[in-house]
């Protein structure tokens, strides 16, 4: 198995993967010298690229490194367990990364943005946090670091773009959070095959209903999770849109159900992005929330 260093910033321009500096990967590395190509995109047997999105500093002086991923398959969803095929070094940062690599699900967006963060100390200096993924016979690693100001991302708001991370609240216990560093709402329990109701509200920091997009996805767990609604535009009614639309003109509250086909421990991720689902491409601003679910036989 050949290991490749994934030192790219991934974007879409006519469906072409771009490297730093804007040159296509095929121009830098001829197709005959690569393990895969995006011309054309393939349904199966492509790798998953770990992506370093950037970093930001917290109020306590520590930093958060933001990671996402790009499943290059157009039809194959992959699960890669923690361990030799999915690990972070140094090992003290290992364990928070996803094991489930979904298709993006978002209209006109082909990858998953900042699905987890790694918190590093203020004195991290030049140390790098490296995420390695092996899938479909391909291995890629990406280093996260605070070594370049070009990787600084706006968090939790970008006033110059009039973008603000929504306040996400889990109902009915009311646990809430804001920003990409994420928070966990606690643990729920449900039996295999029985729908679990997941209710959240999405507001601005003042508590007013927020026009936002919500995305539900399995972060980790042994089996398949089916959501009754996995993509929801909150406060948007758009006839003929490609995403499921739901308008709530009262409190920004939205509900979905999750059904599990195998027992075990799961972690679900919900992302609430300012304005609408399609605005993930602007890198700001959204909130990550996690729900632990224990599924019994």
Protein backbone atom coordinates (compact mmCIF):
# COMPACT_ATOMS: atom_id res chain seq x y z
CA UNK A 1 0.00 0.00 0.00
CA UNK A 2 1.47 3.33 -1.06
CA UNK A 3 1.16 6.18 1.42
CA UNK A 4 0.42 9.63 0.07
CA UNK A 5 0.71 12.97 1.86
CA UNK A 6 -2.50 14.85 1.41
CA UNK A 7 -1.18 18.41 1.40
CA UNK A 8 -4.03 19.97 -0.50
CA UNK A 9 -6.76 22.50 0.02
CA UNK A 10 -9.78 20.93 -1.63
CA UNK A 11 -12.30 22.90 -3.61
CA UNK A 12 -14.52 22.44 -6.61
CA UNK A 13 -14.07 24.26 -9.88
CA UNK A 14 -15.84 22.39 -12.60
CA UNK A 15 -15.53 19.18 -10.58
CA UNK A 16 -11.71 19.34 -10.45
CA UNK A 17 -9.70 18.81 -7.29
CA UNK A 18 -7.35 21.76 -6.73
CA UNK A 19 -4.01 21.90 -4.99
CA UNK A 20 -2.50 24.84 -3.12
CA UNK A 21 -1.90 27.60 -5.65
CA UNK A 22 -4.88 26.64 -7.76
CA UNK A 23 -3.16 24.20 -10.14
CA UNK A 24 -5.01 20.92 -10.79
CA UNK A 25 -3.49 17.82 -9.28
CA UNK A 26 -3.40 16.17 -12.68
CA UNK A 27 -1.14 18.94 -13.96
CA UNK A 28 1.34 18.40 -11.14
CA UNK A 29 1.16 14.61 -11.03
CA UNK A 30 0.33 12.94 -14.36
CA UNK A 31 -2.48 10.41 -14.15
CA UNK A 32 -0.16 7.49 -14.82
CA UNK A 33 1.79 8.38 -11.64
CA UNK A 34 -1.23 8.54 -9.33
CA UNK A 35 -3.34 5.93 -7.57
CA UNK A 36 -6.60 7.58 -8.56
CA UNK A 37 -8.04 10.28 -10.77
CA UNK A 38 -11.10 12.48 -10.70
CA UNK A 39 -11.62 12.26 -14.46
CA UNK A 40 -14.20 10.89 -14.26
CA UNK A 41 -15.54 10.63 -10.73
CA UNK A 42 -16.19 7.04 -9.72
CA UNK A 43 -19.01 5.43 -7.78
CA UNK A 44 -16.79 3.03 -5.77
CA UNK A 45 -13.21 2.10 -4.84
CA UNK A 46 -11.96 5.68 -4.45
CA UNK A 47 -10.24 6.91 -1.27
CA UNK A 48 -11.39 9.23 1.48
CA UNK A 49 -9.22 12.32 1.88
CA UNK A 50 -8.69 13.74 5.38
CA UNK A 51 -8.79 17.54 5.14
CA UNK A 52 -7.25 20.16 7.42
CA UNK A 53 -9.63 23.14 7.26
CA UNK A 54 -7.70 25.58 9.42
CA UNK A 55 -7.31 26.79 12.98
CA UNK A 56 -8.56 29.39 15.42
CA UNK A 57 -7.63 30.49 18.92
CA UNK A 58 -9.99 30.14 21.87
CA UNK A 59 -10.56 32.64 24.67
CA UNK A 60 -8.44 30.54 27.06
CA UNK A 61 -5.41 30.74 24.76
CA UNK A 62 -5.66 27.19 23.41
CA UNK A 63 -6.22 26.46 19.72
CA UNK A 64 -8.68 24.30 17.85
CA UNK A 65 -7.60 22.55 14.65
CA UNK A 66 -10.51 21.92 12.35
CA UNK A 67 -10.72 18.77 10.18
CA UNK A 68 -13.15 17.55 7.55
CA UNK A 69 -13.08 14.87 4.89
CA UNK A 70 -13.78 14.27 1.22
CA UNK A 71 -15.27 10.91 0.23
CA UNK A 72 -14.27 10.73 -3.44
CA UNK A 73 -16.85 8.04 -4.16
CA UNK A 74 -20.15 9.19 -5.59
CA UNK A 75 -22.11 6.18 -4.29
CA UNK A 76 -19.98 4.30 -1.72
CA UNK A 77 -20.37 5.20 1.94
CA UNK A 78 -17.43 3.94 4.01
CA UNK A 79 -16.91 2.97 7.65
CA UNK A 80 -13.31 2.91 8.90
CA UNK A 81 -12.84 1.93 12.55
CA UNK A 82 -10.43 3.71 14.87
CA UNK A 83 -7.07 1.95 14.82
CA UNK A 84 -4.39 1.28 12.20
CA UNK A 85 -6.63 2.50 9.36
CA UNK A 86 -7.93 5.63 11.07
CA UNK A 87 -5.70 7.34 13.62
CA UNK A 88 -4.29 10.68 14.76
CA UNK A 89 -0.74 11.32 15.94
CA UNK A 90 0.39 12.23 18.54
CA UNK A 91 -1.86 9.58 20.08
CA UNK A 92 -3.08 11.89 22.87
CA UNK A 93 -5.26 13.60 20.24
CA UNK A 94 -6.64 10.35 18.80
CA UNK A 95 -10.26 9.23 19.13
CA UNK A 96 -12.52 12.14 18.20
CA UNK A 97 -12.40 11.66 14.44
CA UNK A 98 -15.30 10.11 12.53
CA UNK A 99 -15.43 6.44 11.60
CA UNK A 100 -18.34 6.92 9.19
CA UNK A 101 -17.62 8.69 5.90
CA UNK A 102 -20.84 9.68 4.24
CA UNK A 103 -21.45 11.25 0.90
CA UNK A 104 -21.71 14.98 1.33
CA UNK A 105 -25.55 15.07 1.04
CA UNK A 106 -25.40 18.83 0.43
CA UNK A 107 -26.52 20.34 -2.89
CA UNK A 108 -23.56 21.26 -5.10
CA UNK A 109 -21.08 20.49 -2.30
CA UNK A 110 -19.04 17.31 -2.55
CA UNK A 111 -17.34 17.09 0.82
CA UNK A 112 -17.97 17.30 4.55
CA UNK A 113 -16.72 20.46 6.24
CA UNK A 114 -15.07 20.56 9.68
CA UNK A 115 -16.83 17.60 11.27
CA UNK A 116 -14.55 17.61 14.33
CA UNK A 117 -11.88 19.70 16.02
CA UNK A 118 -8.74 18.88 17.96
CA UNK A 119 -7.95 21.14 20.90
CA UNK A 120 -4.23 21.82 21.33
CA UNK A 121 -2.37 23.82 24.02
CA UNK A 122 -1.29 27.40 23.67
CA UNK A 123 2.38 26.38 23.58
CA UNK A 124 2.00 23.82 20.78
CA UNK A 125 4.49 25.76 18.66
CA UNK A 126 5.44 23.94 15.46
CA UNK A 127 4.08 20.54 16.52
CA UNK A 128 1.80 18.96 13.93
CA UNK A 129 -1.30 16.87 14.51
CA UNK A 130 -1.50 14.30 11.72
CA UNK A 131 -4.68 12.42 10.73
CA UNK A 132 -4.17 9.26 8.65
CA UNK A 133 -6.92 7.40 6.78
CA UNK A 134 -6.69 4.12 4.87
CA UNK A 135 -9.70 3.20 2.73
CA UNK A 136 -10.18 1.14 -0.42
CA UNK A 137 -6.46 0.35 -0.52
CA UNK A 138 -5.39 4.01 -0.42
CA UNK A 139 -3.66 5.81 2.45
CA UNK A 140 -3.59 9.56 2.98
CA UNK A 141 -2.33 11.74 5.84
CA UNK A 142 -2.95 15.41 6.54
CA UNK A 143 -1.07 17.58 9.07
CA UNK A 144 -2.94 20.10 11.20
CA UNK A 145 -0.93 22.99 12.64
CA UNK A 146 -0.97 26.67 13.61
CA UNK A 147 2.14 27.44 11.58
CA UNK A 148 0.53 29.60 8.91
CA UNK A 149 -1.79 32.61 9.19
CA UNK A 150 -3.28 31.56 5.86
CA UNK A 151 -5.09 28.75 7.69
CA UNK A 152 -6.82 30.99 10.24
CA UNK A 153 -10.60 30.60 9.99
CA UNK A 154 -13.34 32.87 11.30
CA UNK A 155 -14.90 31.45 14.46
CA UNK A 156 -17.64 31.72 15.56
CA UNK A 157 -18.58 34.64 13.32
CA UNK A 158 -17.48 36.64 10.28
CA UNK A 159 -19.07 40.09 10.59
CA UNK A 160 -17.54 41.25 7.30
CA UNK A 161 -19.67 38.61 5.56
CA UNK A 162 -22.60 39.03 7.94
CA UNK A 163 -22.21 35.39 9.01
CA UNK A 164 -22.73 34.19 12.59
CA UNK A 165 -22.70 30.67 14.01
CA UNK A 166 -26.20 29.75 15.22
CA UNK A 167 -26.96 28.88 18.81
CA UNK A 168 -27.95 25.20 18.83
CA UNK A 169 -30.08 23.89 21.67
CA UNK A 170 -31.06 20.26 22.26
CA UNK A 171 -34.56 19.71 23.54
CA UNK A 172 -35.99 19.00 25.99
CA UNK A 173 -32.99 19.24 28.36
CA UNK A 174 -31.87 22.55 26.91
CA UNK A 175 -28.14 21.83 26.55
CA UNK A 176 -26.76 24.33 24.06
CA UNK A 177 -23.60 25.45 22.29
CA UNK A 178 -22.23 27.57 19.49
CA UNK A 179 -19.29 27.14 17.15
CA UNK A 180 -17.32 24.46 15.36
CA UNK A 181 -15.54 23.13 18.44
CA UNK A 182 -18.81 21.38 19.19
CA UNK A 183 -20.51 20.11 22.32
CA UNK A 184 -22.15 16.85 23.36
CA UNK A 185 -25.76 16.85 24.47
CA UNK A 186 -25.51 13.74 26.61
CA UNK A 187 -26.56 10.13 26.13
CA UNK A 188 -29.87 8.71 24.91
CA UNK A 189 -31.08 5.13 24.64
CA UNK A 190 -33.32 3.35 22.16
CA UNK A 191 -34.00 -0.19 20.93
CA UNK A 192 -32.98 -1.49 17.51
CA UNK A 193 -35.58 -0.63 14.87
CA UNK A 194 -37.44 1.92 17.00
CA UNK A 195 -37.30 5.58 15.89
CA UNK A 196 -35.58 7.96 18.30
CA UNK A 197 -36.93 11.51 18.25
CA UNK A 198 -34.24 14.21 18.05
CA UNK A 199 -35.46 17.74 18.63
CA UNK A 200 -33.31 20.86 18.40
CA UNK A 201 -33.85 24.59 18.13
CA UNK A 202 -31.68 26.92 16.07
CA UNK A 203 -31.59 30.58 17.08
CA UNK A 204 -29.27 33.56 17.06
CA UNK A 205 -27.38 34.48 20.22
CA UNK A 206 -30.29 36.64 21.36
CA UNK A 207 -32.68 33.69 21.16
CA UNK A 208 -34.54 34.78 18.04
CA UNK A 209 -35.31 32.15 15.37
CA UNK A 210 -32.45 31.83 12.91
CA UNK A 211 -32.58 31.21 9.18
CA UNK A 212 -30.25 28.24 9.00
CA UNK A 213 -29.55 24.83 7.57
CA UNK A 214 -29.40 21.63 9.60
CA UNK A 215 -27.56 18.44 8.60
CA UNK A 216 -27.73 15.15 10.51
CA UNK A 217 -25.15 12.38 9.96
CA UNK A 218 -23.75 9.39 11.77
CA UNK A 219 -20.31 10.23 13.16
CA UNK A 220 -19.49 6.76 14.45
CA UNK A 221 -21.19 3.50 15.38
CA UNK A 222 -21.49 -0.12 14.25
CA UNK A 223 -24.63 -0.08 12.10
CA UNK A 224 -26.69 1.97 9.70
CA UNK A 225 -28.66 5.01 10.88
CA UNK A 226 -31.69 6.19 8.95
CA UNK A 227 -32.92 9.75 9.53
CA UNK A 228 -36.48 10.73 8.67
CA UNK A 229 -35.09 14.14 7.71
CA UNK A 230 -31.34 14.54 7.43
CA UNK A 231 -31.26 17.91 5.62
CA UNK A 232 -33.52 20.71 6.76
CA UNK A 233 -33.63 24.38 5.83
CA UNK A 234 -34.96 26.17 8.91
CA UNK A 235 -37.10 29.23 8.24
CA UNK A 236 -36.86 28.79 4.46
CA UNK A 237 -39.70 27.80 2.19
CA UNK A 238 -38.37 27.28 -1.30
CA UNK A 239 -40.59 25.45 -3.75
CA UNK A 240 -38.73 23.10 -6.04
CA UNK A 241 -35.50 23.19 -4.02
CA UNK A 242 -33.16 20.19 -3.96
CA UNK A 243 -33.18 20.04 -0.15
CA UNK A 244 -36.04 19.29 2.16
CA UNK A 245 -37.51 22.58 3.35
CA UNK A 246 -39.23 23.28 6.60
CA UNK A 247 -40.47 26.64 7.79
CA UNK A 248 -40.80 27.40 11.49
CA UNK A 249 -41.82 31.01 12.09
CA UNK A 250 -42.00 30.66 15.88
CA UNK A 251 -38.94 29.29 17.69
CA UNK A 252 -36.63 27.70 15.13
CA UNK A 253 -37.43 24.22 16.44
CA UNK A 254 -36.98 21.25 14.12
CA UNK A 255 -37.40 17.53 14.67
CA UNK A 256 -36.12 14.39 13.02
CA UNK A 257 -36.03 10.72 13.99
CA UNK A 258 -33.10 8.30 13.85
CA UNK A 259 -33.56 4.54 13.46
CA UNK A 260 -30.70 2.11 14.10
CA UNK A 261 -30.35 -1.36 12.58
CA UNK A 262 -27.73 -2.76 15.00
CA UNK A 263 -27.15 -2.50 18.76
CA UNK A 264 -24.11 -0.68 20.11
CA UNK A 265 -22.80 2.79 20.90
CA UNK A 266 -23.29 5.57 18.36
CA UNK A 267 -22.32 9.21 18.04
CA UNK A 268 -24.52 11.41 15.87
CA UNK A 269 -23.44 14.77 14.49
CA UNK A 270 -25.78 17.66 13.77
CA UNK A 271 -24.43 20.74 12.02
CA UNK A 272 -26.37 23.99 12.02
CA UNK A 273 -25.03 26.50 9.51
CA UNK A 274 -25.86 30.18 9.27
CA UNK A 275 -28.29 31.23 6.54
CA UNK A 276 -28.83 27.91 4.70
CA UNK A 277 -27.28 24.54 3.92
CA UNK A 278 -25.63 25.73 0.72
CA UNK A 279 -23.54 28.27 2.68
CA UNK A 280 -21.14 25.61 3.98
CA UNK A 281 -18.86 26.61 1.11
CA UNK A 282 -18.09 29.94 2.79
CA UNK A 283 -16.26 28.25 5.70
CA UNK A 284 -18.29 30.22 8.23
CA UNK A 285 -20.31 30.02 10.32
CA UNK A 286 -21.78 26.91 11.86
CA UNK A 287 -22.21 24.91 15.04
CA UNK A 288 -21.41 21.25 15.63
CA UNK A 289 -23.48 19.29 18.11
CA UNK A 290 -23.09 15.63 19.09
CA UNK A 291 -25.55 13.12 20.54
CA UNK A 292 -24.43 9.85 22.13
CA UNK A 293 -26.92 7.02 21.61
CA UNK A 294 -26.85 3.57 23.18
CA UNK A 295 -28.85 1.16 21.05
CA UNK A 296 -30.13 -1.96 22.78
CA UNK A 297 -31.22 -5.24 21.12
